[in-house]
Protein backbone atom coordinates (compact mmCIF):
# COMPACT_ATOMS: atom_id res chain seq x y z
CA MET A 1 95.66 -49.80 145.87
CA ALA A 2 94.99 -47.76 143.09
CA ILE A 3 98.12 -46.79 142.88
CA PRO A 4 100.10 -50.17 142.14
CA LEU A 5 97.75 -50.75 139.37
CA ILE A 6 98.43 -47.00 138.12
CA LEU A 7 102.37 -47.92 138.49
CA GLY A 8 102.27 -51.40 136.86
CA GLY A 9 99.57 -50.26 133.86
CA LEU A 10 102.63 -47.32 133.16
CA ALA A 11 105.55 -50.16 133.33
CA ILE A 12 103.63 -52.36 130.96
CA VAL A 13 102.66 -48.97 128.49
CA SER A 14 106.41 -48.31 128.97
CA GLY A 15 107.57 -51.95 128.27
CA LEU A 16 105.44 -52.14 124.71
CA ILE A 17 106.98 -48.24 123.83
CA SER A 18 110.43 -49.77 124.22
CA ALA A 19 109.66 -52.97 122.24
CA GLY A 20 107.69 -50.56 119.40
CA ALA A 21 111.34 -48.56 119.27
CA HIS A 22 113.02 -51.64 119.22
CA PHE A 23 111.39 -53.18 115.87
CA SER A 24 111.39 -49.82 114.56
CA ALA A 25 115.13 -49.33 114.95
CA LYS A 26 115.88 -53.27 112.98
CA ASP A 27 114.07 -51.46 110.10
CA ASN A 28 116.07 -48.40 109.75
CA ARG A 29 119.41 -50.90 110.19
CA GLU A 30 117.90 -52.91 107.82
CA LYS A 31 117.44 -50.17 105.34
CA ALA A 32 120.72 -48.15 106.68
CA GLN A 33 122.88 -51.62 105.52
CA PRO A 34 123.31 -51.77 101.82
CA ILE A 35 123.77 -47.64 101.98
CA TYR A 36 126.61 -48.46 104.31
CA ASP A 37 127.71 -51.52 102.21
CA ASN A 38 127.86 -49.32 98.46
CA SER A 39 129.26 -46.46 100.48
CA ASN A 40 132.07 -48.67 101.89
CA GLU A 41 132.75 -50.23 98.64
CA LYS A 42 132.86 -46.63 97.14
CA ARG A 43 135.62 -45.39 99.59
CA LEU A 44 137.68 -49.15 99.34
CA TYR A 45 137.97 -48.16 95.49
CA THR A 46 138.67 -44.92 95.43
CA ASN A 47 141.16 -45.71 98.39
CA GLN A 48 142.75 -48.21 95.60
CA LYS A 49 142.46 -45.55 92.94
CA LEU A 50 144.27 -42.70 95.05
CA GLU A 51 147.34 -45.47 96.03
CA ASN A 52 147.62 -46.20 92.72
CA LYS A 53 148.21 -42.45 91.77
CA THR A 54 150.84 -41.84 94.39
CA GLU A 55 152.60 -44.90 93.16
CA GLU A 56 152.16 -43.62 89.79
CA THR A 57 153.35 -40.38 90.96
CA LYS A 58 156.10 -41.31 93.19
CA LYS A 59 157.48 -42.92 89.92
CA VAL A 60 157.33 -39.84 87.98
CA SER A 61 159.34 -38.07 90.15
CA GLU A 62 162.08 -40.28 90.77
CA ASN A 63 162.25 -40.31 86.73
CA LEU A 64 162.59 -36.53 87.32
CA GLY A 65 165.06 -36.77 89.45
CA ASP A 66 167.70 -39.43 87.25
CA SER A 67 166.76 -36.81 84.86
CA LYS A 68 167.87 -33.77 86.46
CA LYS A 69 170.93 -35.99 87.57
CA SER A 70 171.72 -37.09 83.82
CA ARG A 71 171.21 -33.42 82.50
CA PHE A 72 172.96 -32.17 85.34
CA LEU A 73 176.03 -34.33 84.59
CA LEU A 74 176.18 -33.96 80.97
CA PHE A 75 176.01 -30.12 81.61
CA ARG A 76 179.37 -30.79 83.69
CA ILE A 77 181.13 -32.80 81.20
CA ARG A 78 180.73 -30.29 78.32
CA GLN A 79 181.98 -27.54 80.89
CA PHE A 80 185.40 -29.76 81.86
CA LEU A 81 185.61 -31.20 77.57
CA CYS A 82 184.77 -27.79 75.91
CA PRO A 83 187.95 -26.01 76.97
CA LEU A 84 190.51 -28.90 76.02
CA LEU A 85 188.64 -29.41 72.61
CA LYS A 86 189.80 -25.78 71.96
CA TYR A 87 193.21 -26.83 71.83
CA GLU A 88 194.61 -29.24 69.69
CA ILE A 89 195.80 -31.92 71.51
CA ALA A 90 198.74 -34.19 70.35
CA ILE A 91 198.51 -37.60 70.56
CA PRO A 92 201.85 -39.42 69.94
CA GLU A 93 201.72 -42.33 67.51
CA HIS A 94 202.98 -46.00 68.01
CA GLU A 95 205.69 -47.39 66.39
């Protein structure tokens, strides 16, 4: 008869320990929630800044590419025109 009472007492003690752990975990969660929210806001802010810088970098690289293309085109035009300008080209006059 003593065994059922001991097992019952252990079950009650085990239940009380579980309830205490539950309340402790709830307190820890409530303390951690503001830290999590703050971290999440920082993450979102940092991601937005990163996206903005990425867009700026894309625009700059596109402009750089256009600038290089323009400089190359001007270089090729000069290469073509310089030899022609060395010769005097007779332009017929209209009557």
